[in-house]
Amino acid sequence: MVQEPIATEAVVAPEPVIVDCQPGMGPVTTYWSDGTATGYSDYCQSVQDQAVAAEAAANTPVCDGNVCTYPNGVQMADPSTHQVVVPYTCGYDVLCDENGNVIPGPETGVMLGNGWRCAGNGCTRP
């Protein structure tokens, strides 16, 4: 008895496609439809770039010269137009010139209003 050969057809697996990307700001990881995971792919890099841009936008305030408003609604004084408060008092904590600028202490020393003796180069804080 002679058997007819069985016709076989080559099955070609489809090319894997991207099904997911690693979320977050860590290294780019690409997950494929065949179950494998690799590192970089242009697509997953673009997804991560969009996530980084969205994070930056969420933390960037809009300032109008008086207040800065963050996307979540929090407001603060616009630092570009408000004076910085100096956390010291001339003659009490530090030595100052007649214009209120902090100066180094004299070699002989001087008693500050808070009871500290201030002398020598860089005598600007007790």
PDB file of N, CA and C in Angstrom:
ATOM      1  N   MET A   1       0.823  -1.140   0.000  1.00  0.00           N
ATOM      2  CA  MET A   1       0.000   0.000   0.000  1.00  0.00           C
ATOM      3  C   MET A   1       0.899   1.247   0.000  1.00  0.00           C
ATOM      4  N   VAL A   2       0.607   2.131  -0.897  1.00  0.00           N
ATOM      5  CA  VAL A   2       1.386   3.352  -1.053  1.00  0.00           C
ATOM      6  C   VAL A   2       0.601   4.495  -0.417  1.00  0.00           C
ATOM      7  N   GLN A   3       1.291   5.207   0.425  1.00  0.00           N
ATOM      8  CA  GLN A   3       0.626   6.340   1.086  1.00  0.00           C
ATOM      9  C   GLN A   3       0.928   7.613   0.333  1.00  0.00           C
ATOM     10  N   GLU A   4      -0.084   8.408   0.211  1.00  0.00           N
ATOM     11  CA  GLU A   4       0.087   9.724  -0.408  1.00  0.00           C
ATOM     12  C   GLU A   4       0.783  10.627   0.617  1.00  0.00           C
ATOM     13  N   PRO A   5       1.722  11.434   0.151  1.00  0.00           N
ATOM     14  CA  PRO A   5       2.358  12.359   1.111  1.00  0.00           C
ATOM     15  C   PRO A   5       1.333  13.365   1.645  1.00  0.00           C
ATOM     16  N   ILE A   6       1.469  13.659   2.906  1.00  0.00           N
ATOM     17  CA  ILE A   6       0.570  14.622   3.547  1.00  0.00           C
ATOM     18  C   ILE A   6       1.101  16.020   3.258  1.00  0.00           C
ATOM     19  N   ALA A   7       0.232  16.841   2.758  1.00  0.00           N
ATOM     20  CA  ALA A   7       0.635  18.212   2.439  1.00  0.00           C
ATOM     21  C   ALA A   7       0.794  18.998   3.744  1.00  0.00           C
ATOM     22  N   THR A   8       1.902  19.634   3.878  1.00  0.00           N
ATOM     23  CA  THR A   8       2.132  20.474   5.059  1.00  0.00           C
ATOM     24  C   THR A   8       2.291  21.907   4.601  1.00  0.00           C
ATOM     25  N   GLU A   9       1.848  22.755   5.435  1.00  0.00           N
ATOM     26  CA  GLU A   9       1.939  24.182   5.123  1.00  0.00           C
ATOM     27  C   GLU A   9       2.737  24.845   6.230  1.00  0.00           C
ATOM     28  N   ALA A  10       3.730  25.615   5.850  1.00  0.00           N
ATOM     29  CA  ALA A  10       4.538  26.304   6.849  1.00  0.00           C
ATOM     30  C   ALA A  10       3.700  27.391   7.505  1.00  0.00           C
ATOM     31  N   VAL A  11       3.713  27.381   8.824  1.00  0.00           N
ATOM     32  CA  VAL A  11       2.978  28.394   9.572  1.00  0.00           C
ATOM     33  C   VAL A  11       3.967  29.494   9.950  1.00  0.00           C
ATOM     34  N   VAL A  12       3.670  30.672   9.518  1.00  0.00           N
ATOM     35  CA  VAL A  12       4.537  31.805   9.807  1.00  0.00           C
ATOM     36  C   VAL A  12       3.921  32.586  10.961  1.00  0.00           C
ATOM     37  N   ALA A  13       4.695  32.712  12.020  1.00  0.00           N
ATOM     38  CA  ALA A  13       4.206  33.463  13.179  1.00  0.00           C
ATOM     39  C   ALA A  13       4.210  34.946  12.846  1.00  0.00           C
ATOM     40  N   PRO A  14       3.165  35.627  13.248  1.00  0.00           N
ATOM     41  CA  PRO A  14       3.140  37.072  12.973  1.00  0.00           C
ATOM     42  C   PRO A  14       4.228  37.787  13.764  1.00  0.00           C
ATOM     43  N   GLU A  15       4.689  38.882  13.233  1.00  0.00           N
ATOM     44  CA  GLU A  15       5.678  39.702  13.930  1.00  0.00           C
ATOM     45  C   GLU A  15       5.068  40.180  15.248  1.00  0.00           C
ATOM     46  N   PRO A  16       5.832  40.122  16.340  1.00  0.00           N
ATOM     47  CA  PRO A  16       5.277  40.615  17.603  1.00  0.00           C
ATOM     48  C   PRO A  16       5.050  42.127  17.529  1.00  0.00           C
ATOM     49  N   VAL A  17       4.039  42.573  18.246  1.00  0.00           N
ATOM     50  CA  VAL A  17       3.730  44.003  18.311  1.00  0.00           C
ATOM     51  C   VAL A  17       3.789  44.448  19.763  1.00  0.00           C
ATOM     52  N   ILE A  18       3.977  45.721  19.964  1.00  0.00           N
ATOM     53  CA  ILE A  18       4.037  46.271  21.320  1.00  0.00           C
ATOM     54  C   ILE A  18       2.642  46.244  21.925  1.00  0.00           C
ATOM     55  N   VAL A  19       2.555  45.701  23.147  1.00  0.00           N
ATOM     56  CA  VAL A  19       1.271  45.663  23.830  1.00  0.00           C
ATOM     57  C   VAL A  19       1.253  46.560  25.063  1.00  0.00           C
ATOM     58  N   ASP A  20       2.437  46.930  25.583  1.00  0.00           N
ATOM     59  CA  ASP A  20       2.468  47.782  26.771  1.00  0.00           C
ATOM     60  C   ASP A  20       3.874  48.340  26.958  1.00  0.00           C
ATOM     61  N   CYS A  21       3.964  49.383  27.770  1.00  0.00           N
ATOM     62  CA  CYS A  21       5.238  49.986  28.134  1.00  0.00           C
ATOM     63  C   CYS A  21       5.299  50.086  29.654  1.00  0.00           C
ATOM     64  N   GLN A  22       6.509  50.024  30.183  1.00  0.00           N
ATOM     65  CA  GLN A  22       6.696  50.172  31.630  1.00  0.00           C
ATOM     66  C   GLN A  22       6.241  51.574  32.026  1.00  0.00           C
ATOM     67  N   PRO A  23       5.300  51.683  32.976  1.00  0.00           N
ATOM     68  CA  PRO A  23       4.863  53.008  33.394  1.00  0.00           C
ATOM     69  C   PRO A  23       5.905  53.666  34.299  1.00  0.00           C
ATOM     70  N   GLY A  24       5.799  54.952  34.446  1.00  0.00           N
ATOM     71  CA  GLY A  24       6.671  55.682  35.363  1.00  0.00           C
ATOM     72  C   GLY A  24       7.842  56.333  34.670  1.00  0.00           C
ATOM     73  N   MET A  25       8.798  56.735  35.494  1.00  0.00           N
ATOM     74  CA  MET A  25       9.938  57.497  34.998  1.00  0.00           C
ATOM     75  C   MET A  25      11.211  56.671  34.927  1.00  0.00           C
ATOM     76  N   GLY A  26      11.125  55.370  35.191  1.00  0.00           N
ATOM     77  CA  GLY A  26      12.306  54.513  35.190  1.00  0.00           C
ATOM     78  C   GLY A  26      12.790  54.215  33.783  1.00  0.00           C
ATOM     79  N   PRO A  27      13.644  53.202  33.674  1.00  0.00           N
ATOM     80  CA  PRO A  27      14.149  52.849  32.346  1.00  0.00           C
ATOM     81  C   PRO A  27      13.018  52.376  31.437  1.00  0.00           C
ATOM     82  N   VAL A  28      13.183  52.605  30.147  1.00  0.00           N
ATOM     83  CA  VAL A  28      12.161  52.228  29.173  1.00  0.00           C
ATOM     84  C   VAL A  28      12.144  50.705  29.039  1.00  0.00           C
ATOM     85  N   THR A  29      10.982  50.097  29.245  1.00  0.00           N
ATOM     86  CA  THR A  29      10.779  48.664  29.045  1.00  0.00           C
ATOM     87  C   THR A  29       9.595  48.491  28.107  1.00  0.00           C
ATOM     88  N   THR A  30       9.771  47.633  27.107  1.00  0.00           N
ATOM     89  CA  THR A  30       8.740  47.391  26.103  1.00  0.00           C
ATOM     90  C   THR A  30       8.239  45.960  26.239  1.00  0.00           C
ATOM     91  N   TYR A  31       6.922  45.789  26.334  1.00  0.00           N
ATOM     92  CA  TYR A  31       6.309  44.467  26.417  1.00  0.00           C
ATOM     93  C   TYR A  31       5.684  44.136  25.075  1.00  0.00           C
ATOM     94  N   TRP A  32       5.972  42.922  24.562  1.00  0.00           N
ATOM     95  CA  TRP A  32       5.570  42.507  23.218  1.00  0.00           C
ATOM     96  C   TRP A  32       4.469  41.446  23.265  1.00  0.00           C
ATOM     97  N   SER A  33       3.750  41.316  22.156  1.00  0.00           N
ATOM     98  CA  SER A  33       2.627  40.381  22.065  1.00  0.00           C
ATOM     99  C   SER A  33       3.053  38.917  22.163  1.00  0.00           C
ATOM    100  N   ASP A  34       4.318  38.628  21.938  1.00  0.00           N
ATOM    101  CA  ASP A  34       4.772  37.237  22.062  1.00  0.00           C
ATOM    102  C   ASP A  34       5.207  36.891  23.481  1.00  0.00           C
ATOM    103  N   GLY A  35       4.978  37.845  24.423  1.00  0.00           N
ATOM    104  CA  GLY A  35       5.299  37.586  25.822  1.00  0.00           C
ATOM    105  C   GLY A  35       6.685  38.025  26.243  1.00  0.00           C
ATOM    106  N   THR A  36       7.467  38.530  25.325  1.00  0.00           N
ATOM    107  CA  THR A  36       8.815  38.972  25.687  1.00  0.00           C
ATOM    108  C   THR A  36       8.790  40.419  26.165  1.00  0.00           C
ATOM    109  N   ALA A  37       9.856  40.787  26.851  1.00  0.00           N
ATOM    110  CA  ALA A  37      10.038  42.163  27.304  1.00  0.00           C
ATOM    111  C   ALA A  37      11.447  42.579  26.917  1.00  0.00           C
ATOM    112  N   THR A  38      11.554  43.741  26.340  1.00  0.00           N
ATOM    113  CA  THR A  38      12.861  44.273  25.970  1.00  0.00           C
ATOM    114  C   THR A  38      12.991  45.669  26.546  1.00  0.00           C
ATOM    115  N   GLY A  39      14.108  46.273  26.309  1.00  0.00           N
ATOM    116  CA  GLY A  39      14.330  47.632  26.780  1.00  0.00           C
ATOM    117  C   GLY A  39      13.735  48.656  25.845  1.00  0.00           C
ATOM    118  N   TYR A  40      14.584  49.459  25.262  1.00  0.00           N
ATOM    119  CA  TYR A  40      14.201  50.615  24.472  1.00  0.00           C
ATOM    120  C   TYR A  40      13.371  50.258  23.245  1.00  0.00           C
ATOM    121  N   SER A  41      12.369  51.089  22.993  1.00  0.00           N
ATOM    122  CA  SER A  41      11.674  51.123  21.705  1.00  0.00           C
ATOM    123  C   SER A  41      11.285  52.577  21.487  1.00  0.00           C
ATOM    124  N   ASP A  42      11.250  53.014  20.248  1.00  0.00           N
ATOM    125  CA  ASP A  42      10.892  54.402  19.956  1.00  0.00           C
ATOM    126  C   ASP A  42       9.520  54.737  20.544  1.00  0.00           C
ATOM    127  N   TYR A  43       8.582  53.804  20.405  1.00  0.00           N
ATOM    128  CA  TYR A  43       7.227  54.057  20.888  1.00  0.00           C
ATOM    129  C   TYR A  43       7.213  54.250  22.410  1.00  0.00           C
ATOM    130  N   CYS A  44       7.824  53.319  23.151  1.00  0.00           N
ATOM    131  CA  CYS A  44       7.793  53.434  24.619  1.00  0.00           C
ATOM    132  C   CYS A  44       8.607  54.635  25.102  1.00  0.00           C
ATOM    133  N   GLN A  45       9.665  54.999  24.374  1.00  0.00           N
ATOM    134  CA  GLN A  45      10.398  56.216  24.732  1.00  0.00           C
ATOM    135  C   GLN A  45       9.498  57.432  24.578  1.00  0.00           C
ATOM    136  N   SER A  46       8.681  57.465  23.513  1.00  0.00           N
ATOM    137  CA  SER A  46       7.777  58.601  23.320  1.00  0.00           C
ATOM    138  C   SER A  46       6.705  58.643  24.409  1.00  0.00           C
ATOM    139  N   VAL A  47       6.242  57.471  24.855  1.00  0.00           N
ATOM    140  CA  VAL A  47       5.266  57.422  25.950  1.00  0.00           C
ATOM    141  C   VAL A  47       5.889  57.998  27.223  1.00  0.00           C
ATOM    142  N   GLN A  48       7.128  57.605  27.500  1.00  0.00           N
ATOM    143  CA  GLN A  48       7.799  58.115  28.688  1.00  0.00           C
ATOM    144  C   GLN A  48       8.062  59.620  28.571  1.00  0.00           C
ATOM    145  N   ASP A  49       8.460  60.095  27.396  1.00  0.00           N
ATOM    146  CA  ASP A  49       8.690  61.529  27.191  1.00  0.00           C
ATOM    147  C   ASP A  49       7.412  62.327  27.464  1.00  0.00           C
ATOM    148  N   GLN A  50       6.269  61.785  27.037  1.00  0.00           N
ATOM    149  CA  GLN A  50       4.985  62.452  27.294  1.00  0.00           C
ATOM    150  C   GLN A  50       4.677  62.481  28.795  1.00  0.00           C
ATOM    151  N   ALA A  51       4.994  61.399  29.502  1.00  0.00           N
ATOM    152  CA  ALA A  51       4.754  61.337  30.952  1.00  0.00           C
ATOM    153  C   ALA A  51       5.627  62.353  31.682  1.00  0.00           C
ATOM    154  N   VAL A  52       6.879  62.479  31.269  1.00  0.00           N
ATOM    155  CA  VAL A  52       7.791  63.453  31.886  1.00  0.00           C
ATOM    156  C   VAL A  52       7.292  64.877  31.628  1.00  0.00           C
ATOM    157  N   ALA A  53       6.857  65.157  30.405  1.00  0.00           N
ATOM    158  CA  ALA A  53       6.338  66.493  30.075  1.00  0.00           C
ATOM    159  C   ALA A  53       5.080  66.808  30.884  1.00  0.00           C
ATOM    160  N   ALA A  54       4.212  65.820  31.057  1.00  0.00           N
ATOM    161  CA  ALA A  54       2.985  66.034  31.839  1.00  0.00           C
ATOM    162  C   ALA A  54       3.315  66.289  33.305  1.00  0.00           C
ATOM    163  N   GLU A  55       4.318  65.592  33.835  1.00  0.00           N
ATOM    164  CA  GLU A  55       4.732  65.801  35.229  1.00  0.00           C
ATOM    165  C   GLU A  55       5.304  67.205  35.412  1.00  0.00           C
ATOM    166  N   ALA A  56       6.114  67.649  34.458  1.00  0.00           N
ATOM    167  CA  ALA A  56       6.683  68.991  34.527  1.00  0.00           C
ATOM    168  C   ALA A  56       5.582  70.049  34.456  1.00  0.00           C
ATOM    169  N   ALA A  57       4.621  69.847  33.573  1.00  0.00           N
ATOM    170  CA  ALA A  57       3.514  70.801  33.440  1.00  0.00           C
ATOM    171  C   ALA A  57       2.680  70.862  34.707  1.00  0.00           C
ATOM    172  N   ALA A  58       2.527  69.732  35.385  1.00  0.00           N
ATOM    173  CA  ALA A  58       1.728  69.694  36.617  1.00  0.00           C
ATOM    174  C   ALA A  58       2.411  70.425  37.763  1.00  0.00           C
ATOM    175  N   ASN A  59       3.712  70.682  37.632  1.00  0.00           N
ATOM    176  CA  ASN A  59       4.453  71.356  38.695  1.00  0.00           C
ATOM    177  C   ASN A  59       4.974  72.719  38.275  1.00  0.00           C
ATOM    178  N   THR A  60       4.429  73.264  37.210  1.00  0.00           N
ATOM    179  CA  THR A  60       4.871  74.566  36.716  1.00  0.00           C
ATOM    180  C   THR A  60       3.755  75.588  36.925  1.00  0.00           C
ATOM    181  N   PRO A  61       4.016  76.594  37.763  1.00  0.00           N
ATOM    182  CA  PRO A  61       2.970  77.588  38.012  1.00  0.00           C
ATOM    183  C   PRO A  61       2.892  78.622  36.896  1.00  0.00           C
ATOM    184  N   VAL A  62       1.750  79.285  36.838  1.00  0.00           N
ATOM    185  CA  VAL A  62       1.562  80.434  35.952  1.00  0.00           C
ATOM    186  C   VAL A  62       1.580  81.656  36.861  1.00  0.00           C
ATOM    187  N   CYS A  63       2.489  82.587  36.591  1.00  0.00           N
ATOM    188  CA  CYS A  63       2.656  83.765  37.453  1.00  0.00           C
ATOM    189  C   CYS A  63       2.186  85.014  36.713  1.00  0.00           C
ATOM    190  N   ASP A  64       1.525  85.916  37.455  1.00  0.00           N
ATOM    191  CA  ASP A  64       1.007  87.141  36.849  1.00  0.00           C
ATOM    192  C   ASP A  64       1.633  88.404  37.428  1.00  0.00           C
ATOM    193  N   GLY A  65       2.712  88.259  38.195  1.00  0.00           N
ATOM    194  CA  GLY A  65       3.345  89.413  38.805  1.00  0.00           C
ATOM    195  C   GLY A  65       2.929  89.611  40.248  1.00  0.00           C
ATOM    196  N   ASN A  66       1.802  89.064  40.646  1.00  0.00           N
ATOM    197  CA  ASN A  66       1.362  89.135  42.039  1.00  0.00           C
ATOM    198  C   ASN A  66       1.350  87.762  42.690  1.00  0.00           C
ATOM    199  N   VAL A  67       0.731  86.805  42.013  1.00  0.00           N
ATOM    200  CA  VAL A  67       0.666  85.449  42.541  1.00  0.00           C
ATOM    201  C   VAL A  67       1.058  84.449  41.458  1.00  0.00           C
ATOM    202  N   CYS A  68       1.519  83.292  41.905  1.00  0.00           N
ATOM    203  CA  CYS A  68       1.787  82.172  41.009  1.00  0.00           C
ATOM    204  C   CYS A  68       0.755  81.104  41.351  1.00  0.00           C
ATOM    205  N   THR A  69       0.067  80.589  40.330  1.00  0.00           N
ATOM    206  CA  THR A  69      -0.958  79.575  40.525  1.00  0.00           C
ATOM    207  C   THR A  69      -0.507  78.278  39.870  1.00  0.00           C
ATOM    208  N   TYR A  70      -0.485  77.219  40.675  1.00  0.00           N
ATOM    209  CA  TYR A  70      -0.125  75.889  40.179  1.00  0.00           C
ATOM    210  C   TYR A  70      -1.359  75.222  39.573  1.00  0.00           C
ATOM    211  N   PRO A  71      -1.168  74.234  38.692  1.00  0.00           N
ATOM    212  CA  PRO A  71      -2.315  73.565  38.072  1.00  0.00           C
ATOM    213  C   PRO A  71      -3.301  72.973  39.069  1.00  0.00           C
ATOM    214  N   ASN A  72      -2.853  72.622  40.284  1.00  0.00           N
ATOM    215  CA  ASN A  72      -3.774  72.059  41.277  1.00  0.00           C
ATOM    216  C   ASN A  72      -4.524  73.140  42.053  1.00  0.00           C
ATOM    217  N   GLY A  73      -4.283  74.435  41.716  1.00  0.00           N
ATOM    218  CA  GLY A  73      -4.998  75.529  42.350  1.00  0.00           C
ATOM    219  C   GLY A  73      -4.249  76.223  43.475  1.00  0.00           C
ATOM    220  N   VAL A  74      -3.156  75.647  43.944  1.00  0.00           N
ATOM    221  CA  VAL A  74      -2.376  76.267  45.018  1.00  0.00           C
ATOM    222  C   VAL A  74      -1.756  77.560  44.501  1.00  0.00           C
ATOM    223  N   GLN A  75      -1.819  78.610  45.356  1.00  0.00           N
ATOM    224  CA  GLN A  75      -1.247  79.896  44.977  1.00  0.00           C
ATOM    225  C   GLN A  75      -0.188  80.313  45.992  1.00  0.00           C
ATOM    226  N   MET A  76       0.796  81.057  45.508  1.00  0.00           N
ATOM    227  CA  MET A  76       1.820  81.633  46.368  1.00  0.00           C
ATOM    228  C   MET A  76       2.228  82.970  45.774  1.00  0.00           C
ATOM    229  N   ALA A  77       2.857  83.795  46.597  1.00  0.00           N
ATOM    230  CA  ALA A  77       3.311  85.100  46.116  1.00  0.00           C
ATOM    231  C   ALA A  77       4.333  84.905  45.008  1.00  0.00           C
ATOM    232  N   ASP A  78       4.259  85.734  43.991  1.00  0.00           N
ATOM    233  CA  ASP A  78       5.199  85.665  42.872  1.00  0.00           C
ATOM    234  C   ASP A  78       6.579  86.083  43.378  1.00  0.00           C
ATOM    235  N   PRO A  79       7.537  85.158  43.426  1.00  0.00           N
ATOM    236  CA  PRO A  79       8.849  85.493  43.981  1.00  0.00           C
ATOM    237  C   PRO A  79       9.623  86.505  43.143  1.00  0.00           C
ATOM    238  N   SER A  80       9.251  86.692  41.896  1.00  0.00           N
ATOM    239  CA  SER A  80       9.973  87.644  41.059  1.00  0.00           C
ATOM    240  C   SER A  80       9.609  89.090  41.379  1.00  0.00           C
ATOM    241  N   THR A  81       8.515  89.310  42.097  1.00  0.00           N
ATOM    242  CA  THR A  81       8.096  90.679  42.386  1.00  0.00           C
ATOM    243  C   THR A  81       8.005  90.989  43.870  1.00  0.00           C
ATOM    244  N   HIS A  82       8.216  90.010  44.735  1.00  0.00           N
ATOM    245  CA  HIS A  82       8.138  90.245  46.168  1.00  0.00           C
ATOM    246  C   HIS A  82       9.532  90.222  46.776  1.00  0.00           C
ATOM    247  N   GLN A  83       9.735  91.104  47.737  1.00  0.00           N
ATOM    248  CA  GLN A  83      11.013  91.202  48.401  1.00  0.00           C
ATOM    249  C   GLN A  83      11.241  90.000  49.300  1.00  0.00           C
ATOM    250  N   VAL A  84      12.482  89.560  49.333  1.00  0.00           N
ATOM    251  CA  VAL A  84      12.850  88.456  50.209  1.00  0.00           C
ATOM    252  C   VAL A  84      13.029  89.015  51.615  1.00  0.00           C
ATOM    253  N   VAL A  85      12.456  88.355  52.594  1.00  0.00           N
ATOM    254  CA  VAL A  85      12.594  88.784  53.982  1.00  0.00           C
ATOM    255  C   VAL A  85      13.911  88.254  54.520  1.00  0.00           C
ATOM    256  N   VAL A  86      14.753  89.153  55.020  1.00  0.00           N
ATOM    257  CA  VAL A  86      16.047  88.765  55.565  1.00  0.00           C
ATOM    258  C   VAL A  86      15.840  88.308  57.009  1.00  0.00           C
ATOM    259  N   PRO A  87      16.306  87.101  57.333  1.00  0.00           N
ATOM    260  CA  PRO A  87      16.049  86.564  58.671  1.00  0.00           C
ATOM    261  C   PRO A  87      17.040  87.017  59.736  1.00  0.00           C
ATOM    262  N   TYR A  88      17.432  88.274  59.719  1.00  0.00           N
ATOM    263  CA  TYR A  88      18.305  88.789  60.767  1.00  0.00           C
ATOM    264  C   TYR A  88      18.022  90.267  60.984  1.00  0.00           C
ATOM    265  N   THR A  89      18.514  90.770  62.098  1.00  0.00           N
ATOM    266  CA  THR A  89      18.354  92.177  62.420  1.00  0.00           C
ATOM    267  C   THR A  89      19.737  92.789  62.567  1.00  0.00           C
ATOM    268  N   CYS A  90      19.977  93.861  61.805  1.00  0.00           N
ATOM    269  CA  CYS A  90      21.271  94.529  61.883  1.00  0.00           C
ATOM    270  C   CYS A  90      21.508  95.043  63.302  1.00  0.00           C
ATOM    271  N   GLY A  91      22.731  94.841  63.798  1.00  0.00           N
ATOM    272  CA  GLY A  91      23.097  95.293  65.140  1.00  0.00           C
ATOM    273  C   GLY A  91      22.650  94.329  66.228  1.00  0.00           C
ATOM    274  N   TYR A  92      21.734  93.449  65.908  1.00  0.00           N
ATOM    275  CA  TYR A  92      21.285  92.474  66.889  1.00  0.00           C
ATOM    276  C   TYR A  92      21.889  91.113  66.583  1.00  0.00           C
ATOM    277  N   ASP A  93      21.696  90.628  65.343  1.00  0.00           N
ATOM    278  CA  ASP A  93      22.248  89.345  64.921  1.00  0.00           C
ATOM    279  C   ASP A  93      23.543  89.501  64.123  1.00  0.00           C
ATOM    280  N   VAL A  94      23.653  90.559  63.349  1.00  0.00           N
ATOM    281  CA  VAL A  94      24.800  90.758  62.466  1.00  0.00           C
ATOM    282  C   VAL A  94      25.211  92.215  62.468  1.00  0.00           C
ATOM    283  N   LEU A  95      26.409  92.455  61.952  1.00  0.00           N
ATOM    284  CA  LEU A  95      26.886  93.823  61.776  1.00  0.00           C
ATOM    285  C   LEU A  95      26.487  94.294  60.389  1.00  0.00           C
ATOM    286  N   CYS A  96      26.019  95.539  60.286  1.00  0.00           N
ATOM    287  CA  CYS A  96      25.611  96.097  59.000  1.00  0.00           C
ATOM    288  C   CYS A  96      26.197  97.489  58.835  1.00  0.00           C
ATOM    289  N   ASP A  97      26.350  97.895  57.558  1.00  0.00           N
ATOM    290  CA  ASP A  97      26.763  99.271  57.304  1.00  0.00           C
ATOM    291  C   ASP A  97      25.527 100.171  57.365  1.00  0.00           C
ATOM    292  N   GLU A  98      25.712 101.475  57.088  1.00  0.00           N
ATOM    293  CA  GLU A  98      24.602 102.424  57.200  1.00  0.00           C
ATOM    294  C   GLU A  98      23.472 102.151  56.205  1.00  0.00           C
ATOM    295  N   ASN A  99      23.746 101.378  55.142  1.00  0.00           N
ATOM    296  CA  ASN A  99      22.714 101.030  54.170  1.00  0.00           C
ATOM    297  C   ASN A  99      22.012  99.710  54.483  1.00  0.00           C
ATOM    298  N   GLY A 100      22.403  99.075  55.572  1.00  0.00           N
ATOM    299  CA  GLY A 100      21.781  97.806  55.947  1.00  0.00           C
ATOM    300  C   GLY A 100      22.435  96.583  55.333  1.00  0.00           C
ATOM    301  N   ASN A 101      23.601  96.757  54.707  1.00  0.00           N
ATOM    302  CA  ASN A 101      24.311  95.616  54.122  1.00  0.00           C
ATOM    303  C   ASN A 101      25.172  94.936  55.178  1.00  0.00           C
ATOM    304  N   VAL A 102      25.140  93.607  55.217  1.00  0.00           N
ATOM    305  CA  VAL A 102      25.925  92.856  56.185  1.00  0.00           C
ATOM    306  C   VAL A 102      27.410  93.044  55.894  1.00  0.00           C
ATOM    307  N   ILE A 103      28.197  93.300  56.951  1.00  0.00           N
ATOM    308  CA  ILE A 103      29.645  93.494  56.814  1.00  0.00           C
ATOM    309  C   ILE A 103      30.377  92.565  57.776  1.00  0.00           C
ATOM    310  N   PRO A 104      31.645  92.255  57.473  1.00  0.00           N
ATOM    311  CA  PRO A 104      32.448  91.455  58.398  1.00  0.00           C
ATOM    312  C   PRO A 104      32.706  92.225  59.683  1.00  0.00           C
ATOM    313  N   GLY A 105      32.936  91.495  60.748  1.00  0.00           N
ATOM    314  CA  GLY A 105      33.193  92.136  62.038  1.00  0.00           C
ATOM    315  C   GLY A 105      34.588  92.724  62.136  1.00  0.00           C
ATOM    316  N   PRO A 106      34.799  93.643  63.047  1.00  0.00           N
ATOM    317  CA  PRO A 106      36.118  94.259  63.231  1.00  0.00           C
ATOM    318  C   PRO A 106      37.057  93.290  63.944  1.00  0.00           C
ATOM    319  N   GLU A 107      38.343  93.557  63.845  1.00  0.00           N
ATOM    320  CA  GLU A 107      39.343  92.707  64.487  1.00  0.00           C
ATOM    321  C   GLU A 107      39.226  92.755  66.006  1.00  0.00           C
ATOM    322  N   THR A 108      38.837  93.894  66.548  1.00  0.00           N
ATOM    323  CA  THR A 108      38.783  94.036  68.002  1.00  0.00           C
ATOM    324  C   THR A 108      37.515  93.450  68.603  1.00  0.00           C
ATOM    325  N   GLY A 109      36.508  93.268  67.814  1.00  0.00           N
ATOM    326  CA  GLY A 109      35.271  92.683  68.313  1.00  0.00           C
ATOM    327  C   GLY A 109      34.281  93.731  68.768  1.00  0.00           C
ATOM    328  N   VAL A 110      33.023  93.410  68.650  1.00  0.00           N
ATOM    329  CA  VAL A 110      31.958  94.303  69.073  1.00  0.00           C
ATOM    330  C   VAL A 110      30.852  93.433  69.655  1.00  0.00           C
ATOM    331  N   MET A 111      30.180  93.943  70.673  1.00  0.00           N
ATOM    332  CA  MET A 111      29.086  93.212  71.294  1.00  0.00           C
ATOM    333  C   MET A 111      27.810  93.486  70.511  1.00  0.00           C
ATOM    334  N   LEU A 112      27.141  92.411  70.080  1.00  0.00           N
ATOM    335  CA  LEU A 112      25.879  92.556  69.375  1.00  0.00           C
ATOM    336  C   LEU A 112      24.748  92.652  70.386  1.00  0.00           C
ATOM    337  N   GLY A 113      23.594  93.086  69.931  1.00  0.00           N
ATOM    338  CA  GLY A 113      22.441  93.264  70.797  1.00  0.00           C
ATOM    339  C   GLY A 113      21.939  91.979  71.423  1.00  0.00           C
ATOM    340  N   ASN A 114      22.261  90.830  70.825  1.00  0.00           N
ATOM    341  CA  ASN A 114      21.811  89.561  71.385  1.00  0.00           C
ATOM    342  C   ASN A 114      22.782  88.992  72.407  1.00  0.00           C
ATOM    343  N   GLY A 115      23.864  89.757  72.726  1.00  0.00           N
ATOM    344  CA  GLY A 115      24.818  89.324  73.719  1.00  0.00           C
ATOM    345  C   GLY A 115      26.031  88.593  73.164  1.00  0.00           C
ATOM    346  N   TRP A 116      26.053  88.330  71.874  1.00  0.00           N
ATOM    347  CA  TRP A 116      27.185  87.640  71.277  1.00  0.00           C
ATOM    348  C   TRP A 116      28.276  88.651  70.934  1.00  0.00           C
ATOM    349  N   ARG A 117      29.550  88.256  71.116  1.00  0.00           N
ATOM    350  CA  ARG A 117      30.668  89.109  70.705  1.00  0.00           C
ATOM    351  C   ARG A 117      31.042  88.713  69.284  1.00  0.00           C
ATOM    352  N   CYS A 118      31.111  89.687  68.409  1.00  0.00           N
ATOM    353  CA  CYS A 118      31.384  89.454  66.996  1.00  0.00           C
ATOM    354  C   CYS A 118      32.709  90.096  66.659  1.00  0.00           C
ATOM    355  N   ALA A 119      33.681  89.269  66.195  1.00  0.00           N
ATOM    356  CA  ALA A 119      34.995  89.811  65.829  1.00  0.00           C
ATOM    357  C   ALA A 119      35.575  88.970  64.712  1.00  0.00           C
ATOM    358  N   GLY A 120      36.397  89.594  63.882  1.00  0.00           N
ATOM    359  CA  GLY A 120      37.145  88.877  62.859  1.00  0.00           C
ATOM    360  C   GLY A 120      36.430  88.796  61.531  1.00  0.00           C
ATOM    361  N   ASN A 121      37.176  88.271  60.560  1.00  0.00           N
ATOM    362  CA  ASN A 121      36.688  88.175  59.198  1.00  0.00           C
ATOM    363  C   ASN A 121      35.444  87.291  59.113  1.00  0.00           C
ATOM    364  N   GLY A 122      34.428  87.757  58.435  1.00  0.00           N
ATOM    365  CA  GLY A 122      33.220  86.976  58.250  1.00  0.00           C
ATOM    366  C   GLY A 122      32.298  86.970  59.430  1.00  0.00           C
ATOM    367  N   CYS A 123      32.432  87.933  60.311  1.00  0.00           N
ATOM    368  CA  CYS A 123      31.565  87.997  61.485  1.00  0.00           C
ATOM    369  C   CYS A 123      30.206  88.516  61.052  1.00  0.00           C
ATOM    370  N   THR A 124      29.392  87.617  60.495  1.00  0.00           N
ATOM    371  CA  THR A 124      28.084  88.045  60.031  1.00  0.00           C
ATOM    372  C   THR A 124      26.963  87.296  60.727  1.00  0.00           C
ATOM    373  N   ARG A 125      27.297  86.265  61.441  1.00  0.00           N
ATOM    374  CA  ARG A 125      26.274  85.521  62.200  1.00  0.00           C
ATOM    375  C   ARG A 125      26.866  85.180  63.565  1.00  0.00           C
ATOM    376  N   PRO A 126      26.088  85.273  64.593  1.00  0.00           N
ATOM    377  CA  PRO A 126      26.612  84.927  65.917  1.00  0.00           C
ATOM    378  C   PRO A 126      26.859  83.415  66.013  1.00  0.00           C
TER     379      PRO A 126
END
